[in-house]
Protein backbone atom coordinates (compact mmCIF):
# COMPACT_ATOMS: atom_id res chain seq x y z
CA MET A 1 1.58 1.47 -17.48
CA LEU A 2 0.29 4.29 -15.30
CA GLY A 3 1.47 4.81 -11.64
CA ALA A 4 4.54 4.27 -9.61
CA GLY A 5 3.31 3.56 -6.23
CA VAL A 6 3.72 0.12 -4.61
CA ILE A 7 0.76 -1.31 -6.73
CA GLY A 8 2.17 0.13 -9.94
CA LEU A 9 5.70 -0.89 -9.41
CA THR A 10 4.88 -4.30 -8.29
CA THR A 11 2.57 -4.78 -11.15
CA ALA A 12 5.29 -3.51 -13.57
CA VAL A 13 7.87 -5.96 -12.14
CA SER A 14 5.44 -8.91 -12.49
CA LEU A 15 4.63 -8.02 -16.08
CA ALA A 16 8.33 -7.27 -17.03
CA GLU A 17 9.58 -10.56 -15.42
CA ALA A 18 6.83 -12.39 -17.42
CA GLY A 19 8.70 -11.18 -20.51
CA LEU A 20 6.67 -8.29 -21.58
CA ALA A 21 7.95 -4.85 -22.58
CA VAL A 22 6.96 -2.36 -19.91
CA ALA A 23 7.12 1.42 -19.56
CA ILE A 24 5.69 3.27 -16.57
CA ARG A 25 4.38 6.74 -16.84
CA ALA A 26 3.69 8.35 -13.44
CA ALA A 27 2.87 11.79 -12.17
CA GLN A 28 5.29 11.40 -9.25
CA PRO A 29 8.35 9.18 -8.62
CA PRO A 30 7.85 6.31 -6.19
CA GLN A 31 9.35 8.09 -3.23
CA GLN A 32 6.65 10.86 -3.52
CA THR A 33 3.64 8.45 -3.62
CA THR A 34 1.16 7.61 -0.92
CA SER A 35 3.01 4.15 -0.69
CA ALA A 36 6.17 5.97 0.62
CA VAL A 37 4.06 7.18 3.62
CA ALA A 38 2.82 3.78 4.52
CA GLY A 39 3.56 2.23 7.98
CA ALA A 40 3.70 -0.81 5.81
CA ILE A 41 2.91 -3.87 7.90
CA TRP A 42 0.85 -6.61 6.29
CA GLY A 43 -2.67 -6.62 7.15
CA PRO A 44 -5.97 -5.98 5.25
CA HIS A 45 -7.41 -2.54 6.18
CA LEU A 46 -10.06 -0.42 4.64
CA VAL A 47 -10.72 -2.88 1.84
CA GLU A 48 -13.46 -5.24 0.81
CA ASP A 49 -13.92 -8.56 2.75
CA SER A 50 -14.12 -11.02 -0.09
CA ASP A 51 -12.58 -14.43 -1.23
CA ARG A 52 -10.59 -12.68 -4.00
CA VAL A 53 -9.11 -10.21 -1.49
CA ALA A 54 -8.22 -13.08 0.92
CA ARG A 55 -6.47 -14.92 -2.06
CA TRP A 56 -4.46 -11.76 -2.98
CA CYS A 57 -3.47 -11.31 0.57
CA ALA A 58 -2.27 -14.80 1.06
CA ASP A 59 -0.24 -14.64 -2.22
CA THR A 60 1.39 -11.40 -1.15
CA LEU A 61 2.06 -12.70 2.33
CA ALA A 62 4.01 -15.72 0.97
CA THR A 63 6.02 -13.48 -1.22
CA PHE A 64 6.97 -11.19 1.61
CA ALA A 65 7.89 -14.18 3.88
CA ARG A 66 10.49 -14.98 1.09
CA LEU A 67 11.61 -11.49 0.60
CA ALA A 68 12.24 -11.02 4.37
CA SER A 69 15.16 -13.47 4.13
CA GLN A 70 16.88 -11.52 1.29
CA PRO A 71 19.08 -8.56 2.17
CA GLY A 72 18.42 -5.27 0.59
CA THR A 73 14.66 -5.66 0.02
CA GLY A 74 13.61 -3.59 3.04
CA VAL A 75 11.20 -6.32 4.04
CA HIS A 76 11.51 -7.94 7.51
CA LEU A 77 9.49 -9.92 9.97
CA VAL A 78 8.46 -8.04 13.11
CA SER A 79 6.50 -9.21 16.18
CA GLY A 80 4.29 -7.10 18.39
CA CYS A 81 0.88 -6.33 19.70
CA GLU A 82 -2.43 -5.18 18.24
CA ALA A 83 -4.80 -3.95 20.98
CA GLY A 84 -8.05 -2.20 21.63
CA PRO A 85 -10.14 -0.91 24.62
CA ALA A 86 -12.23 -4.17 24.74
CA TRP A 87 -11.77 -7.83 23.84
CA TYR A 88 -12.22 -8.76 20.17
CA PRO A 89 -11.68 -11.98 18.17
CA PHE A 90 -8.52 -12.18 16.11
CA PRO A 91 -9.44 -10.80 12.66
CA ALA A 92 -10.18 -13.74 10.37
CA ALA A 93 -8.77 -11.76 7.43
CA ALA A 94 -5.47 -11.98 9.03
CA ASP A 95 -5.60 -15.58 9.87
CA PRO A 96 -2.82 -16.48 7.28
CA LEU A 97 -0.38 -14.94 9.75
CA ARG A 98 -0.49 -18.20 11.61
CA GLY A 99 1.90 -19.58 9.20
CA LEU A 100 4.57 -17.18 10.45
CA GLY A 101 4.31 -17.96 14.09
CA GLU A 102 2.12 -18.26 17.14
CA ILE A 103 -0.82 -15.91 17.53
CA SER A 104 -1.62 -15.34 21.26
CA PRO A 105 -3.59 -12.99 23.50
CA CYS A 106 -1.50 -10.13 24.81
CA ARG A 107 -0.59 -10.44 28.44
CA PRO A 108 -1.97 -7.59 30.70
CA ALA A 109 1.56 -6.42 31.40
CA GLU A 110 2.08 -5.79 27.63
CA LEU A 111 -0.88 -3.50 27.27
CA PRO A 112 -0.44 0.20 27.81
CA ALA A 113 -3.07 2.38 29.66
CA GLY A 114 -6.34 2.50 27.73
CA PHE A 115 -6.10 -0.93 26.16
CA THR A 116 -7.62 -3.99 27.81
CA ALA A 117 -7.12 -6.77 25.30
CA GLY A 118 -5.23 -7.52 22.16
CA TRP A 119 -3.19 -10.14 20.17
CA ARG A 120 0.54 -10.81 19.76
CA TYR A 121 1.62 -11.94 16.31
CA THR A 122 4.43 -11.76 13.78
CA ALA A 123 3.98 -10.01 10.34
CA PRO A 124 6.06 -8.77 7.46
CA ALA A 125 6.72 -5.09 7.39
CA CYS A 126 8.47 -2.88 4.74
CA SER A 127 10.73 -0.13 5.14
CA MET A 128 9.09 1.73 2.20
CA PRO A 129 12.19 3.94 1.11
CA VAL A 130 14.18 0.83 0.74
CA TYR A 131 11.46 -1.41 -0.69
CA LEU A 132 10.36 1.09 -3.23
CA GLU A 133 13.96 1.49 -4.40
CA TYR A 134 14.37 -2.39 -4.44
CA LEU A 135 11.27 -2.73 -6.66
CA LEU A 136 12.44 0.09 -8.91
CA ALA A 137 15.79 -1.62 -9.35
CA ARG A 138 14.28 -5.01 -9.99
CA PHE A 139 12.02 -3.41 -12.66
CA GLY A 140 15.10 -1.85 -14.32
CA ARG A 141 16.81 -5.19 -14.37
CA ALA A 142 13.75 -6.66 -16.12
CA GLY A 143 14.20 -4.19 -18.90
CA GLY A 144 11.55 -1.61 -17.68
CA ARG A 145 11.61 2.16 -17.96
CA LEU A 146 10.18 4.81 -15.63
CA ASP A 147 9.12 8.24 -17.14
CA VAL A 148 7.89 10.87 -14.64
CA GLY A 149 5.44 13.58 -15.94
CA PRO A 150 1.89 14.73 -15.76
CA VAL A 151 -0.92 12.44 -16.82
CA ALA A 152 -4.00 14.49 -17.74
CA SER A 153 -6.47 11.58 -18.33
CA LEU A 154 -6.67 8.01 -19.53
CA ALA A 155 -7.73 9.10 -22.87
CA ALA A 156 -4.64 11.38 -23.02
CA ALA A 157 -2.45 8.62 -21.94
CA ALA A 158 -3.88 6.22 -24.65
CA ARG A 159 -3.28 8.92 -27.31
CA ASP A 160 0.33 9.14 -26.30
CA THR A 161 1.24 5.54 -26.91
CA ALA A 162 0.60 2.73 -29.30
CA ALA A 163 1.19 0.10 -26.63
CA PRO A 164 -1.33 -2.79 -26.99
CA VAL A 165 -2.05 -2.71 -23.22
CA ILE A 166 -2.43 0.10 -20.73
CA VAL A 167 -2.52 -0.83 -17.07
CA ASN A 168 -4.04 1.85 -14.68
CA CYS A 169 -2.38 1.76 -11.21
CA THR A 170 -2.92 5.42 -10.36
CA GLY A 171 -4.24 4.87 -6.79
CA ILE A 172 -6.38 7.90 -5.66
CA GLY A 173 -5.43 9.67 -8.95
CA ALA A 174 -7.92 7.39 -10.71
CA HIS A 175 -10.65 9.44 -9.02
CA GLY A 176 -10.07 12.19 -11.66
CA LEU A 177 -8.27 10.22 -14.50
CA VAL A 178 -10.95 7.61 -15.04
CA PRO A 179 -13.00 9.40 -13.75
CA ASP A 180 -14.29 7.22 -10.80
CA PRO A 181 -16.52 8.89 -8.16
CA ALA A 182 -16.74 5.76 -6.22
CA LEU A 183 -13.04 6.15 -5.25
CA THR A 184 -12.57 8.43 -2.24
CA PRO A 185 -9.57 9.52 -0.21
CA VAL A 186 -8.98 8.60 3.41
CA ARG A 187 -6.31 10.98 4.64
CA GLY A 188 -3.39 9.59 6.68
CA GLN A 189 -0.58 11.31 8.48
CA VAL A 190 2.62 9.96 10.02
CA VAL A 191 5.61 11.25 12.09
CA ILE A 192 8.95 9.67 11.39
CA VAL A 193 11.30 9.70 14.32
CA GLU A 194 14.76 8.24 15.12
CA ASN A 195 14.46 4.75 16.50
CA PRO A 196 15.51 4.69 20.21
CA GLY A 197 15.89 0.93 20.19
CA LEU A 198 12.50 -0.35 19.42
CA THR A 199 12.14 -3.79 17.87
CA GLU A 200 8.42 -4.51 18.21
CA PHE A 201 5.35 -2.89 16.57
CA PHE A 202 2.15 -1.71 18.21
CA ILE A 203 -1.24 -1.05 16.70
CA GLY A 204 -4.00 0.37 18.82
CA PHE A 205 -7.69 1.22 17.78
CA ASP A 206 -11.18 0.43 18.68
CA HIS A 207 -12.37 -2.52 16.65
CA ALA A 208 -16.07 -1.94 17.75
CA ALA A 209 -16.17 1.65 16.58
CA ALA A 210 -18.33 2.32 13.51
CA GLU A 211 -15.70 4.62 12.05
CA VAL A 212 -12.11 4.91 13.03
CA THR A 213 -10.78 8.53 12.83
CA GLU A 214 -7.77 8.33 15.06
CA LEU A 215 -5.54 5.41 15.76
CA ALA A 216 -2.13 4.77 17.17
CA TYR A 217 0.59 2.76 15.60
CA ILE A 218 4.34 2.29 16.02
CA PHE A 219 6.22 0.50 13.30
CA PRO A 220 10.11 0.22 13.89
CA HIS A 221 12.46 -0.06 11.05
CA ASP A 222 16.18 0.16 10.85
CA GLY A 223 17.16 3.50 12.19
CA ARG A 224 13.64 5.02 12.31
CA VAL A 225 10.17 4.54 13.57
CA VAL A 226 7.01 5.43 11.74
CA LEU A 227 4.37 6.81 14.07
CA GLY A 228 0.66 7.22 13.30
CA GLY A 229 -1.91 7.85 12.65
CA ALA A 230 -5.18 9.25 11.26
CA GLU A 231 -8.08 8.32 8.94
CA VAL A 232 -10.03 11.23 7.65
CA ALA A 233 -12.44 10.28 4.91
CA GLY A 234 -12.98 12.71 2.00
CA ASP A 235 -10.01 14.98 3.01
CA TRP A 236 -7.75 15.78 0.03
CA SER A 237 -5.18 17.87 1.83
CA LEU A 238 -1.58 16.71 1.54
CA GLU A 239 -0.20 19.24 4.02
CA PRO A 240 0.82 17.91 7.50
CA GLU A 241 -1.46 19.29 10.31
CA PRO A 242 0.64 20.31 13.29
CA ALA A 243 -2.18 19.41 15.77
CA VAL A 244 -2.41 15.88 14.38
CA ALA A 245 1.33 15.48 14.54
CA ALA A 246 1.36 16.55 18.17
CA ARG A 247 -1.47 14.18 19.01
CA ILE A 248 0.37 11.27 17.32
CA LEU A 249 3.59 12.01 19.13
CA ARG A 250 1.79 12.37 22.49
CA ASP A 251 -0.24 9.12 22.08
CA CYS A 252 2.70 7.05 20.89
CA ALA A 253 5.01 8.28 23.77
CA ALA A 254 2.22 7.37 26.26
CA ILE A 255 2.27 3.88 24.63
CA GLU A 256 6.05 3.52 24.39
CA PRO A 257 7.89 5.94 26.80
CA ARG A 258 11.09 5.57 24.92
CA LEU A 259 9.63 7.63 22.15
CA ALA A 260 9.35 10.66 24.36
CA GLY A 261 11.81 13.20 23.06
CA ALA A 262 12.82 11.11 20.03
CA ARG A 263 14.23 13.33 17.26
CA VAL A 264 11.59 13.97 14.58
CA LEU A 265 12.96 13.19 11.06
CA GLY A 266 9.84 14.14 9.03
CA HIS A 267 6.14 14.50 8.57
CA ARG A 268 4.26 12.76 5.77
CA VAL A 269 0.75 12.71 4.53
CA GLY A 270 -0.92 10.21 2.12
CA LEU A 271 -4.25 9.62 0.65
CA ARG A 272 -5.54 5.98 0.89
CA PRO A 273 -7.56 5.06 -2.24
CA VAL A 274 -10.72 3.63 -0.73
CA ARG A 275 -13.36 2.01 -2.94
CA PRO A 276 -16.32 -0.33 -2.14
CA GLN A 277 -14.55 -2.95 -4.13
CA VAL A 278 -10.96 -3.11 -5.55
CA ARG A 279 -11.19 -2.43 -9.27
CA LEU A 280 -9.20 -5.08 -10.98
CA GLU A 281 -10.59 -5.82 -14.52
CA ALA A 282 -9.72 -5.75 -18.13
CA ALA A 283 -11.79 -3.94 -20.96
CA PRO A 284 -11.12 -3.03 -24.67
CA LEU A 285 -9.86 0.55 -25.23
CA PRO A 286 -12.08 2.47 -27.58
CA ALA A 287 -10.77 2.13 -31.18
CA GLY A 288 -10.25 5.90 -31.54
CA ASP A 289 -8.00 6.17 -28.46
CA GLY A 290 -4.69 5.99 -30.08
CA PRO A 291 -1.88 8.22 -31.38
CA PRO A 292 -2.94 10.52 -34.21
CA GLY A 293 -2.28 9.02 -37.56
CA ARG A 294 -1.54 5.68 -36.27
CA SER A 295 -3.77 2.54 -36.19
CA PRO A 296 -2.63 0.40 -33.45
CA GLY A 297 -5.53 -2.07 -33.67
CA PRO A 298 -7.50 -3.47 -30.75
CA ARG A 299 -6.07 -2.60 -27.45
CA LEU A 300 -6.72 -3.54 -23.76
CA LEU A 301 -7.16 -1.37 -20.64
CA VAL A 302 -6.57 -3.08 -17.27
CA HIS A 303 -7.52 -1.34 -14.06
CA ASN A 304 -5.83 -2.17 -10.72
CA TYR A 305 -6.67 0.46 -8.14
CA GLY A 306 -8.83 1.06 -5.08
CA HIS A 307 -6.85 -0.99 -2.49
CA GLY A 308 -7.65 1.24 0.39
CA GLY A 309 -5.19 0.82 3.36
CA ALA A 310 -4.06 -2.45 1.98
CA GLY A 311 -2.01 -1.69 -1.00
CA ILE A 312 1.16 -3.40 0.21
CA THR A 313 -0.96 -6.27 1.57
CA LEU A 314 -2.59 -6.96 -1.83
CA SER A 315 0.32 -5.86 -4.06
CA TRP A 316 1.83 -9.13 -5.28
CA GLY A 317 -1.44 -11.04 -5.47
CA CYS A 318 -3.04 -8.22 -7.54
CA ALA A 319 0.04 -7.86 -9.70
CA ARG A 320 0.01 -11.57 -10.67
CA GLU A 321 -3.75 -11.32 -11.44
CA VAL A 322 -3.10 -8.42 -13.78
CA THR A 323 -0.27 -10.42 -15.38
CA ARG A 324 -2.68 -13.33 -15.95
CA LEU A 325 -5.34 -11.02 -17.39
CA VAL A 326 -2.82 -9.40 -19.84
CA GLN A 327 -1.40 -12.77 -21.02
CA GLN A 328 -4.79 -14.20 -21.48
CA SER A 329 -6.57 -11.20 -22.97
CA ALA A 330 -4.12 -8.98 -24.72
CA PRO A 331 -4.70 -8.73 -28.40
CA PRO A 332 -1.72 -9.60 -30.76
CA HIS A 333 0.48 -6.64 -31.64
């Protein structure tokens, strides 16, 4: 198993809890992945619009609704507003949220300057430092093991193990590891501040824009607030940009005045792994891709990457799909 972001960890948990022996090899520990940077509210974003994505989204939403009632998961239900500079219909892809509560137009008094219309709803959100540790602990209880170290290529990973199945959940890393030129980074940046008492989220962007490069979002968690954001396609830099951070703080304070002067706890950057379609498929590994001197027999490679800005939103649905593929297709070993 390759990758320890939310896709990799969730997939590993699903496989391990299905009774399979699972070991993760990852270039970074969970808290240093793009997943750790996520604002982490459920909602399909920068991902294909398809029936299979809708199915994975709904599956994950149902799981988060259950986890929100369990202490220690980092998952909670939060209400708030999503708004733009002009009226737009509630996104059909987010329609499953109706099962969590009423979806209604935002009242004019709820909208900050520059926003004229929007929707109020309730969605699951994850405090990612807590949620990633929860997944890691759950993986350990199921007998899983995490090894952190460089992964040069898929071929190298295959040579290092005789495991009958390799699952590739490397996110943007798959661009070079596979390699997959269809996978491109969309750079995001957030500022984390102390929570001055906020309990509701806010998401603001122009739904009519052909390409979103700047957006504003406020995601409150226990003791902290994640402020964003940015979407810069093709930018591989992982260094926070001071000008972007200043713009985020300025825009978010204009939306929510209580954020003005909030103590900054950190700056984070992540690369969303955007692809025309999520790659979730199984294929045989070439016969020669095994440890030297050993003949492991037929082996399977399963890809699970390219989730764009919807990794959390698709995580459990995709993890269960991978588990079904492995159970149905894995050769005996």
